[in-house]
Amino acid sequence: MAQKLEQPIATISKVLTGIILNIKWQDRRTKSSVLEEASVRSIAIEAYIIKNQLRCTGNLVRMPSSSLPKRILYGDLTYGRRSQGEATKTL
């Protein structure tokens, strides 16, 4: 079953890469040039994500110790339960 899904997933990935990079079919770009541009942009996206994670962490550090986001970050929550067993499947 996994092999049957590989080709459609690869096709969808290529199409979405083109959409994200704003590349139209009429541009007649080679696959290698699109993939090269995507890898360059992915580095920029990773840097953007890391920068925002650091900004969020900096904001959390400056919060009071009693704030819920800070307590979650440091794992200070000692109460609360979650039901045991297999996760329920919802469609």
PDB file of N, CA and C in Angstrom:
ATOM      1  N   MET A   1       0.816  -1.187   0.000  1.00  0.00           N
ATOM      2  CA  MET A   1       0.000   0.000   0.000  1.00  0.00           C
ATOM      3  C   MET A   1       0.863   1.256   0.000  1.00  0.00           C
ATOM      4  N   ALA A   2       1.981   1.213   0.725  1.00  0.00           N
ATOM      5  CA  ALA A   2       2.855   2.382   0.791  1.00  0.00           C
ATOM      6  C   ALA A   2       3.426   2.719  -0.579  1.00  0.00           C
ATOM      7  N   GLN A   3       3.734   1.689  -1.359  1.00  0.00           N
ATOM      8  CA  GLN A   3       4.289   1.943  -2.687  1.00  0.00           C
ATOM      9  C   GLN A   3       3.253   2.576  -3.608  1.00  0.00           C
ATOM     10  N   LYS A   4       1.982   2.224  -3.414  1.00  0.00           N
ATOM     11  CA  LYS A   4       0.934   2.815  -4.235  1.00  0.00           C
ATOM     12  C   LYS A   4       0.778   4.295  -3.937  1.00  0.00           C
ATOM     13  N   LEU A   5       1.141   4.712  -2.734  1.00  0.00           N
ATOM     14  CA  LEU A   5       0.984   6.111  -2.349  1.00  0.00           C
ATOM     15  C   LEU A   5       2.198   6.971  -2.676  1.00  0.00           C
ATOM     16  N   GLU A   6       3.343   6.349  -2.936  1.00  0.00           N
ATOM     17  CA  GLU A   6       4.572   7.125  -3.164  1.00  0.00           C
ATOM     18  C   GLU A   6       4.463   8.047  -4.367  1.00  0.00           C
ATOM     19  N   GLN A   7       3.960   7.559  -5.480  1.00  0.00           N
ATOM     20  CA  GLN A   7       3.888   8.372  -6.697  1.00  0.00           C
ATOM     21  C   GLN A   7       2.928   9.555  -6.530  1.00  0.00           C
ATOM     22  N   PRO A   8       1.701   9.348  -6.022  1.00  0.00           N
ATOM     23  CA  PRO A   8       0.827  10.526  -5.838  1.00  0.00           C
ATOM     24  C   PRO A   8       1.389  11.536  -4.849  1.00  0.00           C
ATOM     25  N   ILE A   9       2.034  11.056  -3.795  1.00  0.00           N
ATOM     26  CA  ILE A   9       2.612  11.976  -2.817  1.00  0.00           C
ATOM     27  C   ILE A   9       3.745  12.777  -3.442  1.00  0.00           C
ATOM     28  N   ALA A  10       4.581  12.124  -4.247  1.00  0.00           N
ATOM     29  CA  ALA A  10       5.673  12.830  -4.923  1.00  0.00           C
ATOM     30  C   ALA A  10       5.118  13.882  -5.883  1.00  0.00           C
ATOM     31  N   THR A  11       4.055  13.537  -6.591  1.00  0.00           N
ATOM     32  CA  THR A  11       3.442  14.485  -7.527  1.00  0.00           C
ATOM     33  C   THR A  11       2.859  15.680  -6.773  1.00  0.00           C
ATOM     34  N   ILE A  12       2.159  15.405  -5.695  1.00  0.00           N
ATOM     35  CA  ILE A  12       1.574  16.490  -4.899  1.00  0.00           C
ATOM     36  C   ILE A  12       2.669  17.378  -4.330  1.00  0.00           C
ATOM     37  N   SER A  13       3.775  16.762  -3.896  1.00  0.00           N
ATOM     38  CA  SER A  13       4.883  17.530  -3.351  1.00  0.00           C
ATOM     39  C   SER A  13       5.467  18.476  -4.398  1.00  0.00           C
ATOM     40  N   LYS A  14       5.623  17.989  -5.621  1.00  0.00           N
ATOM     41  CA  LYS A  14       6.154  18.836  -6.694  1.00  0.00           C
ATOM     42  C   LYS A  14       5.206  19.992  -6.991  1.00  0.00           C
ATOM     43  N   VAL A  15       3.919  19.689  -7.033  1.00  0.00           N
ATOM     44  CA  VAL A  15       2.930  20.730  -7.329  1.00  0.00           C
ATOM     45  C   VAL A  15       2.925  21.778  -6.223  1.00  0.00           C
ATOM     46  N   LEU A  16       2.934  21.328  -4.977  1.00  0.00           N
ATOM     47  CA  LEU A  16       2.914  22.275  -3.861  1.00  0.00           C
ATOM     48  C   LEU A  16       4.189  23.107  -3.799  1.00  0.00           C
ATOM     49  N   THR A  17       5.323  22.497  -4.144  1.00  0.00           N
ATOM     50  CA  THR A  17       6.574  23.263  -4.194  1.00  0.00           C
ATOM     51  C   THR A  17       6.460  24.388  -5.206  1.00  0.00           C
ATOM     52  N   GLY A  18       5.880  24.097  -6.358  1.00  0.00           N
ATOM     53  CA  GLY A  18       5.676  25.125  -7.367  1.00  0.00           C
ATOM     54  C   GLY A  18       4.748  26.217  -6.905  1.00  0.00           C
ATOM     55  N   ILE A  19       3.704  25.830  -6.183  1.00  0.00           N
ATOM     56  CA  ILE A  19       2.747  26.823  -5.682  1.00  0.00           C
ATOM     57  C   ILE A  19       3.407  27.707  -4.634  1.00  0.00           C
ATOM     58  N   ILE A  20       4.143  27.086  -3.714  1.00  0.00           N
ATOM     59  CA  ILE A  20       4.794  27.855  -2.652  1.00  0.00           C
ATOM     60  C   ILE A  20       5.803  28.837  -3.223  1.00  0.00           C
ATOM     61  N   LEU A  21       6.551  28.393  -4.231  1.00  0.00           N
ATOM     62  CA  LEU A  21       7.567  29.254  -4.828  1.00  0.00           C
ATOM     63  C   LEU A  21       6.990  30.193  -5.891  1.00  0.00           C
ATOM     64  N   ASN A  22       5.675  30.116  -6.109  1.00  0.00           N
ATOM     65  CA  ASN A  22       4.995  30.944  -7.098  1.00  0.00           C
ATOM     66  C   ASN A  22       5.560  30.727  -8.502  1.00  0.00           C
ATOM     67  N   ILE A  23       5.736  29.462  -8.852  1.00  0.00           N
ATOM     68  CA  ILE A  23       6.238  29.093 -10.172  1.00  0.00           C
ATOM     69  C   ILE A  23       5.073  28.540 -10.975  1.00  0.00           C
ATOM     70  N   LYS A  24       4.848  29.099 -12.124  1.00  0.00           N
ATOM     71  CA  LYS A  24       3.749  28.658 -12.971  1.00  0.00           C
ATOM     72  C   LYS A  24       4.257  27.681 -14.023  1.00  0.00           C
ATOM     73  N   TRP A  25       3.352  26.869 -14.529  1.00  0.00           N
ATOM     74  CA  TRP A  25       3.718  25.886 -15.545  1.00  0.00           C
ATOM     75  C   TRP A  25       4.250  26.587 -16.796  1.00  0.00           C
ATOM     76  N   GLN A  26       3.722  27.756 -17.091  1.00  0.00           N
ATOM     77  CA  GLN A  26       4.128  28.496 -18.287  1.00  0.00           C
ATOM     78  C   GLN A  26       5.560  29.019 -18.191  1.00  0.00           C
ATOM     79  N   ASP A  27       6.138  29.016 -17.002  1.00  0.00           N
ATOM     80  CA  ASP A  27       7.513  29.503 -16.838  1.00  0.00           C
ATOM     81  C   ASP A  27       8.535  28.554 -17.453  1.00  0.00           C
ATOM     82  N   ARG A  28       8.145  27.309 -17.682  1.00  0.00           N
ATOM     83  CA  ARG A  28       9.005  26.287 -18.300  1.00  0.00           C
ATOM     84  C   ARG A  28      10.349  26.163 -17.584  1.00  0.00           C
ATOM     85  N   ARG A  29      10.280  25.918 -16.294  1.00  0.00           N
ATOM     86  CA  ARG A  29      11.480  25.742 -15.475  1.00  0.00           C
ATOM     87  C   ARG A  29      11.822  24.268 -15.383  1.00  0.00           C
ATOM     88  N   THR A  30      13.095  23.958 -15.300  1.00  0.00           N
ATOM     89  CA  THR A  30      13.499  22.566 -15.126  1.00  0.00           C
ATOM     90  C   THR A  30      13.283  22.141 -13.679  1.00  0.00           C
ATOM     91  N   LYS A  31      13.146  20.832 -13.492  1.00  0.00           N
ATOM     92  CA  LYS A  31      12.940  20.317 -12.141  1.00  0.00           C
ATOM     93  C   LYS A  31      14.123  20.649 -11.242  1.00  0.00           C
ATOM     94  N   SER A  32      15.326  20.570 -11.802  1.00  0.00           N
ATOM     95  CA  SER A  32      16.516  20.827 -10.989  1.00  0.00           C
ATOM     96  C   SER A  32      16.573  22.285 -10.530  1.00  0.00           C
ATOM     97  N   SER A  33      16.178  23.216 -11.391  1.00  0.00           N
ATOM     98  CA  SER A  33      16.203  24.624 -10.976  1.00  0.00           C
ATOM     99  C   SER A  33      15.148  24.900  -9.904  1.00  0.00           C
ATOM    100  N   VAL A  34      13.997  24.235 -10.005  1.00  0.00           N
ATOM    101  CA  VAL A  34      12.949  24.406  -8.992  1.00  0.00           C
ATOM    102  C   VAL A  34      13.426  23.824  -7.667  1.00  0.00           C
ATOM    103  N   LEU A  35      14.010  22.634  -7.704  1.00  0.00           N
ATOM    104  CA  LEU A  35      14.500  22.004  -6.477  1.00  0.00           C
ATOM    105  C   LEU A  35      15.637  22.810  -5.857  1.00  0.00           C
ATOM    106  N   GLU A  36      16.487  23.395  -6.687  1.00  0.00           N
ATOM    107  CA  GLU A  36      17.583  24.227  -6.172  1.00  0.00           C
ATOM    108  C   GLU A  36      17.025  25.462  -5.470  1.00  0.00           C
ATOM    109  N   GLU A  37      16.039  26.102  -6.078  1.00  0.00           N
ATOM    110  CA  GLU A  37      15.435  27.271  -5.459  1.00  0.00           C
ATOM    111  C   GLU A  37      14.705  26.886  -4.170  1.00  0.00           C
ATOM    112  N   ALA A  38      14.074  25.713  -4.173  1.00  0.00           N
ATOM    113  CA  ALA A  38      13.366  25.252  -2.984  1.00  0.00           C
ATOM    114  C   ALA A  38      14.335  24.991  -1.845  1.00  0.00           C
ATOM    115  N   SER A  39      15.506  24.429  -2.144  1.00  0.00           N
ATOM    116  CA  SER A  39      16.470  24.157  -1.071  1.00  0.00           C
ATOM    117  C   SER A  39      17.035  25.453  -0.513  1.00  0.00           C
ATOM    118  N   VAL A  40      17.242  26.447  -1.350  1.00  0.00           N
ATOM    119  CA  VAL A  40      17.734  27.741  -0.884  1.00  0.00           C
ATOM    120  C   VAL A  40      16.682  28.392   0.010  1.00  0.00           C
ATOM    121  N   ARG A  41      15.435  28.306  -0.414  1.00  0.00           N
ATOM    122  CA  ARG A  41      14.365  28.921   0.377  1.00  0.00           C
ATOM    123  C   ARG A  41      14.129  28.156   1.665  1.00  0.00           C
ATOM    124  N   SER A  42      14.329  26.821   1.641  1.00  0.00           N
ATOM    125  CA  SER A  42      14.090  26.050   2.858  1.00  0.00           C
ATOM    126  C   SER A  42      15.087  26.444   3.943  1.00  0.00           C
ATOM    127  N   ILE A  43      16.315  26.802   3.538  1.00  0.00           N
ATOM    128  CA  ILE A  43      17.299  27.277   4.516  1.00  0.00           C
ATOM    129  C   ILE A  43      16.824  28.592   5.133  1.00  0.00           C
ATOM    130  N   ALA A  44      16.278  29.463   4.303  1.00  0.00           N
ATOM    131  CA  ALA A  44      15.772  30.734   4.809  1.00  0.00           C
ATOM    132  C   ALA A  44      14.568  30.509   5.717  1.00  0.00           C
ATOM    133  N   ILE A  45      13.722  29.544   5.376  1.00  0.00           N
ATOM    134  CA  ILE A  45      12.553  29.247   6.198  1.00  0.00           C
ATOM    135  C   ILE A  45      12.992  28.685   7.544  1.00  0.00           C
ATOM    136  N   GLU A  46      13.999  27.789   7.547  1.00  0.00           N
ATOM    137  CA  GLU A  46      14.503  27.238   8.798  1.00  0.00           C
ATOM    138  C   GLU A  46      15.067  28.342   9.691  1.00  0.00           C
ATOM    139  N   ALA A  47      15.796  29.275   9.106  1.00  0.00           N
ATOM    140  CA  ALA A  47      16.351  30.390   9.880  1.00  0.00           C
ATOM    141  C   ALA A  47      15.225  31.240  10.469  1.00  0.00           C
ATOM    142  N   TYR A  48      14.170  31.450   9.706  1.00  0.00           N
ATOM    143  CA  TYR A  48      13.021  32.218  10.181  1.00  0.00           C
ATOM    144  C   TYR A  48      12.345  31.515  11.356  1.00  0.00           C
ATOM    145  N   ILE A  49      12.176  30.194  11.249  1.00  0.00           N
ATOM    146  CA  ILE A  49      11.545  29.427  12.320  1.00  0.00           C
ATOM    147  C   ILE A  49      12.398  29.468  13.580  1.00  0.00           C
ATOM    148  N   ILE A  50      13.708  29.282  13.442  1.00  0.00           N
ATOM    149  CA  ILE A  50      14.601  29.317  14.603  1.00  0.00           C
ATOM    150  C   ILE A  50      14.568  30.686  15.267  1.00  0.00           C
ATOM    151  N   LYS A  51      14.551  31.739  14.462  1.00  0.00           N
ATOM    152  CA  LYS A  51      14.505  33.095  15.010  1.00  0.00           C
ATOM    153  C   LYS A  51      13.224  33.308  15.819  1.00  0.00           C
ATOM    154  N   ASN A  52      12.100  32.829  15.298  1.00  0.00           N
ATOM    155  CA  ASN A  52      10.842  32.980  16.020  1.00  0.00           C
ATOM    156  C   ASN A  52      10.793  32.112  17.266  1.00  0.00           C
ATOM    157  N   GLN A  53      11.401  30.928  17.224  1.00  0.00           N
ATOM    158  CA  GLN A  53      11.454  30.086  18.416  1.00  0.00           C
ATOM    159  C   GLN A  53      12.271  30.762  19.511  1.00  0.00           C
ATOM    160  N   LEU A  54      13.378  31.359  19.140  1.00  0.00           N
ATOM    161  CA  LEU A  54      14.193  32.074  20.122  1.00  0.00           C
ATOM    162  C   LEU A  54      13.442  33.272  20.699  1.00  0.00           C
ATOM    163  N   ARG A  55      12.711  33.982  19.860  1.00  0.00           N
ATOM    164  CA  ARG A  55      11.931  35.127  20.322  1.00  0.00           C
ATOM    165  C   ARG A  55      10.870  34.666  21.314  1.00  0.00           C
ATOM    166  N   CYS A  56      10.191  33.570  20.995  1.00  0.00           N
ATOM    167  CA  CYS A  56       9.155  33.036  21.888  1.00  0.00           C
ATOM    168  C   CYS A  56       9.768  32.585  23.214  1.00  0.00           C
ATOM    169  N   THR A  57      10.913  31.921  23.147  1.00  0.00           N
ATOM    170  CA  THR A  57      11.579  31.466  24.363  1.00  0.00           C
ATOM    171  C   THR A  57      11.999  32.662  25.209  1.00  0.00           C
ATOM    172  N   GLY A  58      12.489  33.705  24.592  1.00  0.00           N
ATOM    173  CA  GLY A  58      12.868  34.909  25.316  1.00  0.00           C
ATOM    174  C   GLY A  58      11.676  35.540  26.013  1.00  0.00           C
ATOM    175  N   ASN A  59      10.520  35.528  25.331  1.00  0.00           N
ATOM    176  CA  ASN A  59       9.317  36.068  25.966  1.00  0.00           C
ATOM    177  C   ASN A  59       8.899  35.208  27.152  1.00  0.00           C
ATOM    178  N   LEU A  60       9.021  33.889  27.020  1.00  0.00           N
ATOM    179  CA  LEU A  60       8.641  32.993  28.108  1.00  0.00           C
ATOM    180  C   LEU A  60       9.547  33.170  29.317  1.00  0.00           C
ATOM    181  N   VAL A  61      10.832  33.376  29.083  1.00  0.00           N
ATOM    182  CA  VAL A  61      11.778  33.536  30.190  1.00  0.00           C
ATOM    183  C   VAL A  61      11.450  34.783  30.998  1.00  0.00           C
ATOM    184  N   ARG A  62      10.973  35.829  30.347  1.00  0.00           N
ATOM    185  CA  ARG A  62      10.648  37.069  31.046  1.00  0.00           C
ATOM    186  C   ARG A  62       9.295  37.035  31.745  1.00  0.00           C
ATOM    187  N   MET A  63       8.486  36.003  31.484  1.00  0.00           N
ATOM    188  CA  MET A  63       7.175  35.893  32.144  1.00  0.00           C
ATOM    189  C   MET A  63       7.345  35.524  33.611  1.00  0.00           C
ATOM    190  N   PRO A  64       6.339  35.826  34.424  1.00  0.00           N
ATOM    191  CA  PRO A  64       6.402  35.396  35.827  1.00  0.00           C
ATOM    192  C   PRO A  64       6.374  33.871  35.922  1.00  0.00           C
ATOM    193  N   SER A  65       6.944  33.358  36.994  1.00  0.00           N
ATOM    194  CA  SER A  65       7.050  31.908  37.153  1.00  0.00           C
ATOM    195  C   SER A  65       5.701  31.217  37.263  1.00  0.00           C
ATOM    196  N   SER A  66       4.673  31.931  37.619  1.00  0.00           N
ATOM    197  CA  SER A  66       3.361  31.322  37.787  1.00  0.00           C
ATOM    198  C   SER A  66       2.577  31.218  36.476  1.00  0.00           C
ATOM    199  N   SER A  67       3.088  31.790  35.394  1.00  0.00           N
ATOM    200  CA  SER A  67       2.336  31.764  34.139  1.00  0.00           C
ATOM    201  C   SER A  67       2.328  30.349  33.551  1.00  0.00           C
ATOM    202  N   LEU A  68       1.200  29.998  32.958  1.00  0.00           N
ATOM    203  CA  LEU A  68       1.018  28.653  32.430  1.00  0.00           C
ATOM    204  C   LEU A  68       1.998  28.313  31.304  1.00  0.00           C
ATOM    205  N   PRO A  69       2.228  29.189  30.321  1.00  0.00           N
ATOM    206  CA  PRO A  69       3.178  28.832  29.262  1.00  0.00           C
ATOM    207  C   PRO A  69       4.584  28.533  29.796  1.00  0.00           C
ATOM    208  N   LYS A  70       5.024  29.312  30.797  1.00  0.00           N
ATOM    209  CA  LYS A  70       6.351  29.081  31.358  1.00  0.00           C
ATOM    210  C   LYS A  70       6.388  27.768  32.126  1.00  0.00           C
ATOM    211  N   ARG A  71       5.330  27.468  32.847  1.00  0.00           N
ATOM    212  CA  ARG A  71       5.278  26.214  33.592  1.00  0.00           C
ATOM    213  C   ARG A  71       5.266  25.018  32.645  1.00  0.00           C
ATOM    214  N   ILE A  72       4.592  25.152  31.520  1.00  0.00           N
ATOM    215  CA  ILE A  72       4.573  24.072  30.529  1.00  0.00           C
ATOM    216  C   ILE A  72       5.958  23.894  29.923  1.00  0.00           C
ATOM    217  N   LEU A  73       6.627  25.007  29.611  1.00  0.00           N
ATOM    218  CA  LEU A  73       7.970  24.933  29.021  1.00  0.00           C
ATOM    219  C   LEU A  73       8.938  24.201  29.932  1.00  0.00           C
ATOM    220  N   TYR A  74       8.903  24.511  31.211  1.00  0.00           N
ATOM    221  CA  TYR A  74       9.838  23.893  32.148  1.00  0.00           C
ATOM    222  C   TYR A  74       9.325  22.587  32.733  1.00  0.00           C
ATOM    223  N   GLY A  75       8.128  22.157  32.353  1.00  0.00           N
ATOM    224  CA  GLY A  75       7.602  20.881  32.815  1.00  0.00           C
ATOM    225  C   GLY A  75       7.234  20.866  34.278  1.00  0.00           C
ATOM    226  N   ASP A  76       6.765  21.977  34.799  1.00  0.00           N
ATOM    227  CA  ASP A  76       6.427  22.079  36.215  1.00  0.00           C
ATOM    228  C   ASP A  76       5.012  21.609  36.541  1.00  0.00           C
ATOM    229  N   LEU A  77       4.255  21.218  35.550  1.00  0.00           N
ATOM    230  CA  LEU A  77       2.894  20.785  35.822  1.00  0.00           C
ATOM    231  C   LEU A  77       2.935  19.375  36.392  1.00  0.00           C
ATOM    232  N   THR A  78       2.471  19.228  37.627  1.00  0.00           N
ATOM    233  CA  THR A  78       2.512  17.921  38.283  1.00  0.00           C
ATOM    234  C   THR A  78       1.128  17.345  38.463  1.00  0.00           C
ATOM    235  N   TYR A  79       0.119  18.077  38.097  1.00  0.00           N
ATOM    236  CA  TYR A  79      -1.233  17.575  38.257  1.00  0.00           C
ATOM    237  C   TYR A  79      -1.864  17.422  36.876  1.00  0.00           C
ATOM    238  N   GLY A  80      -3.014  16.797  36.881  1.00  0.00           N
ATOM    239  CA  GLY A  80      -3.709  16.574  35.624  1.00  0.00           C
ATOM    240  C   GLY A  80      -3.558  15.131  35.192  1.00  0.00           C
ATOM    241  N   ARG A  81      -4.550  14.628  34.515  1.00  0.00           N
ATOM    242  CA  ARG A  81      -4.525  13.250  34.061  1.00  0.00           C
ATOM    243  C   ARG A  81      -4.993  13.201  32.626  1.00  0.00           C
ATOM    244  N   ARG A  82      -4.576  12.183  32.003  1.00  0.00           N
ATOM    245  CA  ARG A  82      -5.052  11.894  30.674  1.00  0.00           C
ATOM    246  C   ARG A  82      -5.525  10.462  30.687  1.00  0.00           C
ATOM    247  N   SER A  83      -6.559  10.154  29.954  1.00  0.00           N
ATOM    248  CA  SER A  83      -7.114   8.807  29.997  1.00  0.00           C
ATOM    249  C   SER A  83      -6.125   7.810  29.394  1.00  0.00           C
ATOM    250  N   GLN A  84      -6.088   6.641  30.004  1.00  0.00           N
ATOM    251  CA  GLN A  84      -5.173   5.609  29.526  1.00  0.00           C
ATOM    252  C   GLN A  84      -5.827   4.812  28.432  1.00  0.00           C
ATOM    253  N   GLY A  85      -5.005   4.087  27.720  1.00  0.00           N
ATOM    254  CA  GLY A  85      -5.524   3.221  26.671  1.00  0.00           C
ATOM    255  C   GLY A  85      -5.218   3.773  25.295  1.00  0.00           C
ATOM    256  N   GLU A  86      -5.756   3.083  24.335  1.00  0.00           N
ATOM    257  CA  GLU A  86      -5.508   3.449  22.933  1.00  0.00           C
ATOM    258  C   GLU A  86      -6.261   4.726  22.581  1.00  0.00           C
ATOM    259  N   ALA A  87      -5.664   5.506  21.736  1.00  0.00           N
ATOM    260  CA  ALA A  87      -6.309   6.733  21.305  1.00  0.00           C
ATOM    261  C   ALA A  87      -7.557   6.406  20.495  1.00  0.00           C
ATOM    262  N   THR A  88      -8.570   7.248  20.637  1.00  0.00           N
ATOM    263  CA  THR A  88      -9.792   7.012  19.884  1.00  0.00           C
ATOM    264  C   THR A  88      -9.588   7.499  18.465  1.00  0.00           C
ATOM    265  N   LYS A  89     -10.153   6.750  17.545  1.00  0.00           N
ATOM    266  CA  LYS A  89     -10.004   7.091  16.124  1.00  0.00           C
ATOM    267  C   LYS A  89     -11.240   7.839  15.672  1.00  0.00           C
ATOM    268  N   THR A  90     -11.038   9.038  15.198  1.00  0.00           N
ATOM    269  CA  THR A  90     -12.159   9.839  14.709  1.00  0.00           C
ATOM    270  C   THR A  90     -11.956  10.131  13.238  1.00  0.00           C
ATOM    271  N   LEU A  91     -13.014  10.142  12.525  1.00  0.00           N
ATOM    272  CA  LEU A  91     -12.935  10.424  11.092  1.00  0.00           C
ATOM    273  C   LEU A  91     -13.617  11.703  10.763  1.00  0.00           C
TER     274      LEU A  91
END
